[in-house]
Structure formats: structure tokens, C-alpha cells
Amino acid sequence: MPMLKLVSFKLCPFVQRSVILLKEKKIDFEISYIDLSNPPEWFLALSPMGKVPILEVDSTVLFESAIINEYLNEVNPPSLHPVDPLDKAQNRAWMEYTSTLYMSFFKLMMSKEKKEGEKVVLSMHQQLDVLEQIKGSDLWFNGNKFSMVDISAAPLFMRLVFLKQACGLDVLTGRPRLQAWSDNLLQRDSVKHSVVEDFSEIILNRMHGAGSFLVN
């Protein structure tokens, strides 16, 4: 078994996906966090794009979170993708769709003006409406089988719960399927233990530092 080491920053939702996957598969790994505003030279030497996360597999470096997770899933069976190629492709498409919501969350978190933030919230509502329509009433995205799509969505729901608790903004209201999906995911051990202990405090500090309208 190769030595695995993740490198990222503490608020990155994409490395959180990798952590959830590794915990689901009970794989030993190390994780270290860097300051993206002042990345160390050793990181810049390892990351071709200067971005996080990266995964060191012994002496080989993988970059881009989707690629990292596909590798981890493939070399550590059983796969968390559907067997049918078309179902698998659809799952990957919805995984990519959830990634757009992380971008929306970041924009909202950093919005200084309420009017600007309200535009982002409107866009998030539209994106979440699409997910609400596609998500069935079963436990997970693919019925009763936990999959890579669930892992892709879990960090999003953690951040949406933060918005509700810290800022009084509940974007899951009126979306019972997404609410149930969120509740199920956030009760899962691999998800609960996929972030640093002071996760919410770090987000709040980041928002205060950016002058976010949600906390100022």
C-alpha cells in the first residue's frame, strides 16, 4: 500500500471530498494544510498549477481533486460508482454540477454588499431547485447505495448548515428531498470527521476579514 499524503487548506471543499472517500474506504493517509496566501516553496514545486489539493502517492504527485478521487476510488475497491457506463457518466455529470454550488457559496461568503449577495442567493436557489428535482426520495443519490455523488455533495450541505446556524440563511427551506439528503449525509461518520475542529470559526473569521455583508 503506497503512502498517501493530501495537501490543501482548511476550508477547501474539494479536499474534504477526498477525506470523506478515504475514510469511507478506511485507508490510512496523512493530511497537511498550507496558507494559500503564502504557499511554501515545497508546495509550489510539487503542484504544477499552484492549486490545492494535491495527493502525494509515494513519490508521485496527483493534482485536480476530481482526478485524485477517481484514482482513490479505482485502486481501492469496491467502486463507489455505478457499474453501468451510462449511469456512471450521469453520476459524474451531477458531481460536476455540485462543484458549481461551491463556487456560489464562496461568492456569497465573500460578498461585501447585500445586493450583490442576494444575486448569488437567487442563483443558488435556482441551482438547488434543479438538484431537488433530480434527487429521488431514497436514502442516497443512487437509491440505497452510497456513492461518489453523495461524497461530492456532502461538503456543500455542511456549508449550507453553517449558513443557517451562523447567518440565519436557510436555502434548503421548501426542498424536502435535499433536506433529507443533507441530514443523512451529515450524520455519517466519514462526513462528520472530514473537517478540522475549528472549521466554522475559520469560515467566520474569513468572512469577517472579507467584509461579508452576512456577518458585518
C-alpha atoms as a PDB file:
ATOM      1  CA  MET A   1       0.000   0.000   0.000  1.00  0.00           C
ATOM      2  CA  PRO A   2       1.570   3.341  -1.044  1.00  0.00           C
ATOM      3  CA  MET A   3       1.934   6.202   1.424  1.00  0.00           C
ATOM      4  CA  LEU A   4      -0.781   8.800   0.770  1.00  0.00           C
ATOM      5  CA  LYS A   5      -0.470  12.448   1.733  1.00  0.00           C
ATOM      6  CA  LEU A   6      -3.048  15.137   0.970  1.00  0.00           C
ATOM      7  CA  VAL A   7      -2.062  18.796   0.890  1.00  0.00           C
ATOM      8  CA  SER A   8      -4.675  21.533   0.946  1.00  0.00           C
ATOM      9  CA  PHE A   9      -6.058  24.406   3.025  1.00  0.00           C
ATOM     10  CA  LYS A  10      -8.511  24.060   5.882  1.00  0.00           C
ATOM     11  CA  LEU A  11     -11.645  25.319   4.123  1.00  0.00           C
ATOM     12  CA  CYS A  12     -11.243  23.515   0.800  1.00  0.00           C
ATOM     13  CA  PRO A  13     -14.430  21.553  -0.020  1.00  0.00           C
ATOM     14  CA  PHE A  14     -12.641  19.587  -2.705  1.00  0.00           C
ATOM     15  CA  VAL A  15     -10.034  18.070  -0.406  1.00  0.00           C
ATOM     16  CA  GLN A  16     -12.867  17.383   2.019  1.00  0.00           C
ATOM     17  CA  ARG A  17     -14.360  15.115  -0.629  1.00  0.00           C
ATOM     18  CA  SER A  18     -11.076  13.191  -0.731  1.00  0.00           C
ATOM     19  CA  VAL A  19     -11.001  12.896   3.057  1.00  0.00           C
ATOM     20  CA  ILE A  20     -14.554  11.513   3.100  1.00  0.00           C
ATOM     21  CA  LEU A  21     -13.670   8.995   0.401  1.00  0.00           C
ATOM     22  CA  LEU A  22     -10.539   7.855   2.228  1.00  0.00           C
ATOM     23  CA  LYS A  23     -12.444   7.470   5.480  1.00  0.00           C
ATOM     24  CA  GLU A  24     -15.247   5.572   3.761  1.00  0.00           C
ATOM     25  CA  LYS A  25     -12.713   3.109   2.389  1.00  0.00           C
ATOM     26  CA  LYS A  26     -10.768   3.023   5.683  1.00  0.00           C
ATOM     27  CA  ILE A  27      -7.487   3.946   4.010  1.00  0.00           C
ATOM     28  CA  ASP A  28      -4.583   5.324   6.029  1.00  0.00           C
ATOM     29  CA  PHE A  29      -3.422   8.767   4.926  1.00  0.00           C
ATOM     30  CA  GLU A  30      -1.782  11.949   6.116  1.00  0.00           C
ATOM     31  CA  ILE A  31      -3.046  15.467   5.550  1.00  0.00           C
ATOM     32  CA  SER A  32      -1.284  18.796   5.867  1.00  0.00           C
ATOM     33  CA  TYR A  33      -2.629  22.302   5.413  1.00  0.00           C
ATOM     34  CA  ILE A  34      -0.919  25.320   3.900  1.00  0.00           C
ATOM     35  CA  ASP A  35      -1.603  29.036   3.824  1.00  0.00           C
ATOM     36  CA  LEU A  36      -2.742  29.723   0.263  1.00  0.00           C
ATOM     37  CA  SER A  37      -1.884  33.398   0.592  1.00  0.00           C
ATOM     38  CA  ASN A  38       1.717  32.424   1.294  1.00  0.00           C
ATOM     39  CA  PRO A  39       2.306  28.928  -0.081  1.00  0.00           C
ATOM     40  CA  PRO A  40       5.609  27.297   0.827  1.00  0.00           C
ATOM     41  CA  GLU A  41       8.227  26.714  -1.857  1.00  0.00           C
ATOM     42  CA  TRP A  42       7.995  22.931  -1.479  1.00  0.00           C
ATOM     43  CA  PHE A  43       4.293  23.075  -2.360  1.00  0.00           C
ATOM     44  CA  LEU A  44       4.854  25.223  -5.444  1.00  0.00           C
ATOM     45  CA  ALA A  45       7.495  22.747  -6.546  1.00  0.00           C
ATOM     46  CA  LEU A  46       5.009  19.875  -6.245  1.00  0.00           C
ATOM     47  CA  SER A  47       1.822  21.460  -7.633  1.00  0.00           C
ATOM     48  CA  PRO A  48       2.028  22.136 -11.407  1.00  0.00           C
ATOM     49  CA  MET A  49      -0.861  24.612 -11.232  1.00  0.00           C
ATOM     50  CA  GLY A  50      -0.091  26.044  -7.806  1.00  0.00           C
ATOM     51  CA  LYS A  51      -3.529  24.867  -6.654  1.00  0.00           C
ATOM     52  CA  VAL A  52      -4.847  22.602  -3.939  1.00  0.00           C
ATOM     53  CA  PRO A  53      -5.478  19.867  -3.293  1.00  0.00           C
ATOM     54  CA  ILE A  54      -2.643  17.624  -4.332  1.00  0.00           C
ATOM     55  CA  LEU A  55      -2.133  13.996  -3.393  1.00  0.00           C
ATOM     56  CA  GLU A  56       1.326  12.544  -2.947  1.00  0.00           C
ATOM     57  CA  VAL A  57       1.341   8.818  -3.728  1.00  0.00           C
ATOM     58  CA  ASP A  58       4.786   7.799  -2.548  1.00  0.00           C
ATOM     59  CA  SER A  59       6.946   9.973  -4.851  1.00  0.00           C
ATOM     60  CA  THR A  60       4.238  10.666  -7.450  1.00  0.00           C
ATOM     61  CA  VAL A  61       2.024  13.752  -7.253  1.00  0.00           C
ATOM     62  CA  LEU A  62      -1.574  13.894  -8.463  1.00  0.00           C
ATOM     63  CA  PHE A  63      -3.413  17.195  -8.850  1.00  0.00           C
ATOM     64  CA  GLU A  64      -7.018  18.251  -9.540  1.00  0.00           C
ATOM     65  CA  SER A  65      -9.484  16.949  -6.968  1.00  0.00           C
ATOM     66  CA  ALA A  66     -11.707  15.026  -9.391  1.00  0.00           C
ATOM     67  CA  ILE A  67      -8.703  13.115 -10.714  1.00  0.00           C
ATOM     68  CA  ILE A  68      -7.484  12.412  -7.192  1.00  0.00           C
ATOM     69  CA  ASN A  69     -10.837  10.949  -6.178  1.00  0.00           C
ATOM     70  CA  GLU A  70     -11.181   8.863  -9.321  1.00  0.00           C
ATOM     71  CA  TYR A  71      -7.763   7.350  -8.632  1.00  0.00           C
ATOM     72  CA  LEU A  72      -8.557   6.648  -4.984  1.00  0.00           C
ATOM     73  CA  ASN A  73     -11.871   5.041  -5.896  1.00  0.00           C
ATOM     74  CA  GLU A  74     -10.363   2.919  -8.662  1.00  0.00           C
ATOM     75  CA  VAL A  75      -7.427   1.469  -6.713  1.00  0.00           C
ATOM     76  CA  ASN A  76      -9.429   0.793  -3.556  1.00  0.00           C
ATOM     77  CA  PRO A  77     -12.375  -1.457  -4.461  1.00  0.00           C
ATOM     78  CA  PRO A  78     -15.270  -1.780  -4.290  1.00  0.00           C
ATOM     79  CA  SER A  79     -16.025   1.166  -6.523  1.00  0.00           C
ATOM     80  CA  LEU A  80     -18.453   3.821  -5.333  1.00  0.00           C
ATOM     81  CA  HIS A  81     -19.594   4.407  -8.925  1.00  0.00           C
ATOM     82  CA  PRO A  82     -22.461   2.581 -10.658  1.00  0.00           C
ATOM     83  CA  VAL A  83     -21.394  -0.338 -12.832  1.00  0.00           C
ATOM     84  CA  ASP A  84     -23.352   0.720 -15.917  1.00  0.00           C
ATOM     85  CA  PRO A  85     -21.269   3.158 -18.023  1.00  0.00           C
ATOM     86  CA  LEU A  86     -24.217   5.459 -18.743  1.00  0.00           C
ATOM     87  CA  ASP A  87     -25.237   5.609 -15.080  1.00  0.00           C
ATOM     88  CA  LYS A  88     -21.624   6.265 -14.163  1.00  0.00           C
ATOM     89  CA  ALA A  89     -21.390   9.102 -16.690  1.00  0.00           C
ATOM     90  CA  GLN A  90     -24.588  10.662 -15.347  1.00  0.00           C
ATOM     91  CA  ASN A  91     -23.239  10.428 -11.815  1.00  0.00           C
ATOM     92  CA  ARG A  92     -20.033  12.168 -12.851  1.00  0.00           C
ATOM     93  CA  ALA A  93     -22.067  14.917 -14.501  1.00  0.00           C
ATOM     94  CA  TRP A  94     -24.017  15.545 -11.270  1.00  0.00           C
ATOM     95  CA  MET A  95     -20.760  15.534  -9.313  1.00  0.00           C
ATOM     96  CA  GLU A  96     -19.560  18.326 -11.559  1.00  0.00           C
ATOM     97  CA  TYR A  97     -22.871  20.121 -11.063  1.00  0.00           C
ATOM     98  CA  THR A  98     -22.371  20.191  -7.292  1.00  0.00           C
ATOM     99  CA  SER A  99     -18.984  21.825  -7.873  1.00  0.00           C
ATOM    100  CA  THR A 100     -20.710  24.898  -9.305  1.00  0.00           C
ATOM    101  CA  LEU A 101     -22.535  25.330  -5.988  1.00  0.00           C
ATOM    102  CA  TYR A 102     -19.240  25.533  -4.121  1.00  0.00           C
ATOM    103  CA  MET A 103     -18.318  28.456  -6.322  1.00  0.00           C
ATOM    104  CA  SER A 104     -21.643  30.096  -5.470  1.00  0.00           C
ATOM    105  CA  PHE A 105     -21.065  29.542  -1.759  1.00  0.00           C
ATOM    106  CA  PHE A 106     -17.628  31.155  -1.997  1.00  0.00           C
ATOM    107  CA  LYS A 107     -19.046  34.175  -3.829  1.00  0.00           C
ATOM    108  CA  LEU A 108     -21.740  34.556  -1.176  1.00  0.00           C
ATOM    109  CA  MET A 109     -19.235  34.206   1.635  1.00  0.00           C
ATOM    110  CA  MET A 110     -17.094  36.979   0.151  1.00  0.00           C
ATOM    111  CA  SER A 111     -19.895  39.348  -0.932  1.00  0.00           C
ATOM    112  CA  LYS A 112     -19.493  42.769   0.691  1.00  0.00           C
ATOM    113  CA  GLU A 113     -22.774  44.258  -0.474  1.00  0.00           C
ATOM    114  CA  LYS A 114     -26.200  42.829   0.353  1.00  0.00           C
ATOM    115  CA  LYS A 115     -27.470  43.444  -3.180  1.00  0.00           C
ATOM    116  CA  GLU A 116     -24.534  41.522  -4.616  1.00  0.00           C
ATOM    117  CA  GLY A 117     -25.089  38.679  -2.138  1.00  0.00           C
ATOM    118  CA  GLU A 118     -28.804  38.482  -2.905  1.00  0.00           C
ATOM    119  CA  LYS A 119     -27.989  37.846  -6.567  1.00  0.00           C
ATOM    120  CA  VAL A 120     -25.781  34.937  -5.527  1.00  0.00           C
ATOM    121  CA  VAL A 121     -28.502  33.552  -3.249  1.00  0.00           C
ATOM    122  CA  LEU A 122     -31.000  33.718  -6.130  1.00  0.00           C
ATOM    123  CA  SER A 123     -28.577  31.784  -8.331  1.00  0.00           C
ATOM    124  CA  MET A 124     -28.092  29.201  -5.569  1.00  0.00           C
ATOM    125  CA  HIS A 125     -31.854  28.756  -5.260  1.00  0.00           C
ATOM    126  CA  GLN A 126     -32.067  28.053  -8.976  1.00  0.00           C
ATOM    127  CA  GLN A 127     -29.225  25.547  -8.789  1.00  0.00           C
ATOM    128  CA  LEU A 128     -30.731  23.826  -5.749  1.00  0.00           C
ATOM    129  CA  ASP A 129     -34.134  23.622  -7.440  1.00  0.00           C
ATOM    130  CA  VAL A 130     -32.513  21.511 -10.161  1.00  0.00           C
ATOM    131  CA  LEU A 131     -30.992  19.178  -7.575  1.00  0.00           C
ATOM    132  CA  GLU A 132     -34.290  18.919  -5.699  1.00  0.00           C
ATOM    133  CA  GLN A 133     -35.983  17.771  -8.899  1.00  0.00           C
ATOM    134  CA  ILE A 134     -33.358  15.165  -9.770  1.00  0.00           C
ATOM    135  CA  LYS A 135     -32.851  13.758  -6.264  1.00  0.00           C
ATOM    136  CA  GLY A 136     -35.159  10.837  -5.502  1.00  0.00           C
ATOM    137  CA  SER A 137     -36.758  10.079  -2.166  1.00  0.00           C
ATOM    138  CA  ASP A 138     -34.322   7.269  -1.368  1.00  0.00           C
ATOM    139  CA  LEU A 139     -31.581   7.481   1.234  1.00  0.00           C
ATOM    140  CA  TRP A 140     -28.779   8.348  -1.186  1.00  0.00           C
ATOM    141  CA  PHE A 141     -28.444   9.708  -4.705  1.00  0.00           C
ATOM    142  CA  ASN A 142     -28.384   6.189  -6.191  1.00  0.00           C
ATOM    143  CA  GLY A 143     -31.126   4.703  -4.078  1.00  0.00           C
ATOM    144  CA  ASN A 144     -29.787   2.810  -1.070  1.00  0.00           C
ATOM    145  CA  LYS A 145     -26.185   2.628  -2.312  1.00  0.00           C
ATOM    146  CA  PHE A 146     -23.795   5.310  -1.046  1.00  0.00           C
ATOM    147  CA  SER A 147     -21.798   6.682  -3.963  1.00  0.00           C
ATOM    148  CA  MET A 148     -19.328   9.263  -5.196  1.00  0.00           C
ATOM    149  CA  VAL A 149     -22.189  11.706  -5.853  1.00  0.00           C
ATOM    150  CA  ASP A 150     -23.063  11.645  -2.167  1.00  0.00           C
ATOM    151  CA  ILE A 151     -19.436  12.346  -1.300  1.00  0.00           C
ATOM    152  CA  SER A 152     -19.381  15.244  -3.762  1.00  0.00           C
ATOM    153  CA  ALA A 153     -22.445  16.831  -2.173  1.00  0.00           C
ATOM    154  CA  ALA A 154     -21.571  16.318   1.492  1.00  0.00           C
ATOM    155  CA  PRO A 155     -19.224  19.323   1.927  1.00  0.00           C
ATOM    156  CA  LEU A 156     -21.860  21.533   0.298  1.00  0.00           C
ATOM    157  CA  PHE A 157     -24.525  20.575   2.807  1.00  0.00           C
ATOM    158  CA  MET A 158     -22.097  21.134   5.668  1.00  0.00           C
ATOM    159  CA  ARG A 159     -21.594  24.686   4.420  1.00  0.00           C
ATOM    160  CA  LEU A 160     -25.315  25.258   3.970  1.00  0.00           C
ATOM    161  CA  VAL A 161     -25.907  24.198   7.581  1.00  0.00           C
ATOM    162  CA  PHE A 162     -23.225  26.692   8.586  1.00  0.00           C
ATOM    163  CA  LEU A 163     -25.097  29.450   6.712  1.00  0.00           C
ATOM    164  CA  LYS A 164     -28.267  28.579   8.584  1.00  0.00           C
ATOM    165  CA  GLN A 165     -26.683  28.387  12.031  1.00  0.00           C
ATOM    166  CA  ALA A 166     -24.225  31.281  11.782  1.00  0.00           C
ATOM    167  CA  CYS A 167     -26.027  33.677   9.446  1.00  0.00           C
ATOM    168  CA  GLY A 168     -29.703  32.749   9.680  1.00  0.00           C
ATOM    169  CA  LEU A 169     -29.844  31.955   5.964  1.00  0.00           C
ATOM    170  CA  ASP A 170     -31.645  28.672   5.194  1.00  0.00           C
ATOM    171  CA  VAL A 171     -31.544  27.862   1.481  1.00  0.00           C
ATOM    172  CA  LEU A 172     -32.963  24.338   1.894  1.00  0.00           C
ATOM    173  CA  THR A 173     -36.397  25.546   3.025  1.00  0.00           C
ATOM    174  CA  GLY A 174     -39.077  24.026   0.815  1.00  0.00           C
ATOM    175  CA  ARG A 175     -36.718  21.363  -0.533  1.00  0.00           C
ATOM    176  CA  PRO A 176     -37.555  18.239   1.487  1.00  0.00           C
ATOM    177  CA  ARG A 177     -35.513  15.845  -0.636  1.00  0.00           C
ATOM    178  CA  LEU A 178     -32.366  17.927  -0.297  1.00  0.00           C
ATOM    179  CA  GLN A 179     -33.025  18.457   3.410  1.00  0.00           C
ATOM    180  CA  ALA A 180     -33.311  14.702   3.986  1.00  0.00           C
ATOM    181  CA  TRP A 181     -30.188  14.074   1.894  1.00  0.00           C
ATOM    182  CA  SER A 182     -28.313  16.674   3.910  1.00  0.00           C
ATOM    183  CA  ASP A 183     -29.455  15.210   7.236  1.00  0.00           C
ATOM    184  CA  ASN A 184     -28.410  11.705   6.211  1.00  0.00           C
ATOM    185  CA  LEU A 185     -25.017  12.813   4.950  1.00  0.00           C
ATOM    186  CA  LEU A 186     -24.138  14.946   7.949  1.00  0.00           C
ATOM    187  CA  GLN A 187     -24.893  12.059  10.304  1.00  0.00           C
ATOM    188  CA  ARG A 188     -22.334   9.842   8.566  1.00  0.00           C
ATOM    189  CA  ASP A 189     -19.059   9.413  10.486  1.00  0.00           C
ATOM    190  CA  SER A 190     -16.852   9.927   7.433  1.00  0.00           C
ATOM    191  CA  VAL A 191     -18.507  13.305   6.851  1.00  0.00           C
ATOM    192  CA  LYS A 192     -18.588  14.435  10.489  1.00  0.00           C
ATOM    193  CA  HIS A 193     -14.846  13.838  10.796  1.00  0.00           C
ATOM    194  CA  SER A 194     -13.796  15.271   7.437  1.00  0.00           C
ATOM    195  CA  VAL A 195     -13.008  18.833   8.597  1.00  0.00           C
ATOM    196  CA  VAL A 196     -10.798  20.474  11.203  1.00  0.00           C
ATOM    197  CA  GLU A 197     -12.297  21.069  14.657  1.00  0.00           C
ATOM    198  CA  ASP A 198     -12.458  24.854  14.274  1.00  0.00           C
ATOM    199  CA  PHE A 199     -13.995  24.695  10.794  1.00  0.00           C
ATOM    200  CA  SER A 200     -16.932  27.052  11.476  1.00  0.00           C
ATOM    201  CA  GLU A 201     -14.735  29.537  13.331  1.00  0.00           C
ATOM    202  CA  ILE A 202     -12.310  29.681  10.411  1.00  0.00           C
ATOM    203  CA  ILE A 203     -15.137  30.388   7.953  1.00  0.00           C
ATOM    204  CA  LEU A 204     -16.487  33.157  10.188  1.00  0.00           C
ATOM    205  CA  ASN A 205     -13.066  34.740  10.507  1.00  0.00           C
ATOM    206  CA  ARG A 206     -12.636  34.587   6.743  1.00  0.00           C
ATOM    207  CA  MET A 207     -15.997  36.259   6.225  1.00  0.00           C
ATOM    208  CA  HIS A 208     -15.240  38.992   8.763  1.00  0.00           C
ATOM    209  CA  GLY A 209     -11.892  39.591   7.102  1.00  0.00           C
ATOM    210  CA  ALA A 210     -13.530  39.901   3.696  1.00  0.00           C
ATOM    211  CA  GLY A 211     -16.179  42.292   4.985  1.00  0.00           C
ATOM    212  CA  SER A 212     -19.011  39.903   4.122  1.00  0.00           C
ATOM    213  CA  PHE A 213     -22.447  41.502   4.416  1.00  0.00           C
ATOM    214  CA  LEU A 214     -23.662  38.349   6.159  1.00  0.00           C
ATOM    215  CA  VAL A 215     -21.609  38.958   9.310  1.00  0.00           C
ATOM    216  CA  ASN A 216     -20.866  42.700   9.268  1.00  0.00           C
END
